[in-house]
């Protein structure tokens, strides 16, 4: 089943002008269209831990590539989301209490 999803995402990206460069695991790969991107495949309705998402973002930072989630919906549509870390400001009000 996972191979079918991977092939579906690969075909979609190739139709959008991307070249698949390297697979980094079952659900992670590098693709290029002017710049290189780290993609991670997710399936609608299948839970993914925050730790998994954080490791994808960290891997993208390590490779100096934007991390992109490729979400495959139940009807087979693939939607892409850029993901990155954000730094929230400290809550000065909570510290005053």
Protein backbone atom coordinates (compact mmCIF):
# COMPACT_ATOMS: atom_id res chain seq x y z
CA UNK A 1 0.00 0.00 0.00
CA UNK A 2 2.77 2.45 0.89
CA UNK A 3 4.51 1.84 -2.44
CA UNK A 4 1.28 2.78 -4.23
CA UNK A 5 1.11 6.04 -2.27
CA UNK A 6 4.76 6.83 -2.96
CA UNK A 7 4.30 6.21 -6.69
CA UNK A 8 1.17 8.39 -6.65
CA UNK A 9 3.08 11.28 -5.05
CA UNK A 10 6.05 10.77 -7.39
CA UNK A 11 3.79 10.92 -10.46
CA UNK A 12 2.06 14.04 -9.14
CA UNK A 13 5.35 15.81 -8.49
CA UNK A 14 6.79 14.79 -11.86
CA UNK A 15 3.65 16.19 -13.53
CA UNK A 16 4.41 19.46 -11.69
CA UNK A 17 7.96 19.54 -13.07
CA UNK A 18 9.86 18.02 -10.13
CA UNK A 19 12.65 15.49 -10.49
CA UNK A 20 12.87 12.82 -7.79
CA UNK A 21 16.51 12.64 -6.68
CA UNK A 22 16.74 10.25 -3.74
CA UNK A 23 14.60 8.17 -1.41
CA UNK A 24 15.54 8.52 2.25
CA UNK A 25 13.17 5.91 3.65
CA UNK A 26 9.68 4.57 3.13
CA UNK A 27 7.97 7.96 3.27
CA UNK A 28 10.79 10.48 2.86
CA UNK A 29 12.57 11.63 -0.29
CA UNK A 30 14.35 14.54 -1.95
CA UNK A 31 12.96 16.19 -5.09
CA UNK A 32 14.18 19.12 -7.13
CA UNK A 33 12.59 21.91 -9.17
CA UNK A 34 15.11 24.76 -9.28
CA UNK A 35 15.72 24.13 -5.55
CA UNK A 36 15.85 20.89 -3.57
CA UNK A 37 13.05 19.97 -1.15
CA UNK A 38 12.66 17.28 1.49
CA UNK A 39 9.25 15.60 1.19
CA UNK A 40 7.47 13.44 3.76
CA UNK A 41 4.35 11.49 2.74
CA UNK A 42 1.36 11.42 5.08
CA UNK A 43 -2.05 9.81 4.63
CA UNK A 44 -5.29 11.47 5.67
CA UNK A 45 -6.67 9.89 8.85
CA UNK A 46 -3.40 8.20 9.82
CA UNK A 47 -1.89 9.66 12.98
CA UNK A 48 1.67 10.95 12.96
CA UNK A 49 3.48 11.88 16.15
CA UNK A 50 4.81 15.35 16.81
CA UNK A 51 8.23 13.74 17.21
CA UNK A 52 8.01 12.37 13.65
CA UNK A 53 7.10 15.79 12.27
CA UNK A 54 9.90 17.40 14.26
CA UNK A 55 12.41 14.88 12.92
CA UNK A 56 11.32 15.69 9.35
CA UNK A 57 11.78 19.41 10.00
CA UNK A 58 15.16 18.80 11.64
CA UNK A 59 16.28 16.65 8.71
CA UNK A 60 15.31 19.44 6.33
CA UNK A 61 17.34 21.91 8.38
CA UNK A 62 20.31 19.54 8.45
CA UNK A 63 20.17 19.13 4.67
CA UNK A 64 19.49 22.87 4.17
CA UNK A 65 16.23 22.13 2.36
CA UNK A 66 12.66 23.23 3.00
CA UNK A 67 10.55 20.41 4.45
CA UNK A 68 7.27 19.66 2.69
CA UNK A 69 4.45 17.38 3.83
CA UNK A 70 2.72 15.55 0.98
CA UNK A 71 -0.74 14.74 2.33
CA UNK A 72 -2.64 12.09 0.38
CA UNK A 73 -6.39 12.41 0.96
CA UNK A 74 -8.88 9.55 1.01
CA UNK A 75 -9.88 10.33 -2.58
CA UNK A 76 -6.24 10.24 -3.73
CA UNK A 77 -5.65 13.97 -4.04
CA UNK A 78 -2.17 15.09 -3.00
CA UNK A 79 -1.80 18.42 -1.19
CA UNK A 80 1.55 19.90 -0.19
CA UNK A 81 2.35 21.91 2.95
CA UNK A 82 5.63 23.60 3.82
CA UNK A 83 6.55 22.99 7.47
CA UNK A 84 9.09 24.71 9.67
CA UNK A 85 9.83 25.47 13.30
CA UNK A 86 8.58 28.68 14.80
CA UNK A 87 9.84 30.37 17.91
CA UNK A 88 7.10 31.75 20.12
CA UNK A 89 7.85 34.74 22.33
CA UNK A 90 8.03 34.14 26.03
CA UNK A 91 4.86 34.86 27.94
CA UNK A 92 5.90 37.65 30.28
CA UNK A 93 2.49 37.64 31.96
CA UNK A 94 2.78 34.01 33.03
CA UNK A 95 6.20 34.69 34.57
CA UNK A 96 4.83 37.58 36.65
CA UNK A 97 2.27 35.38 38.41
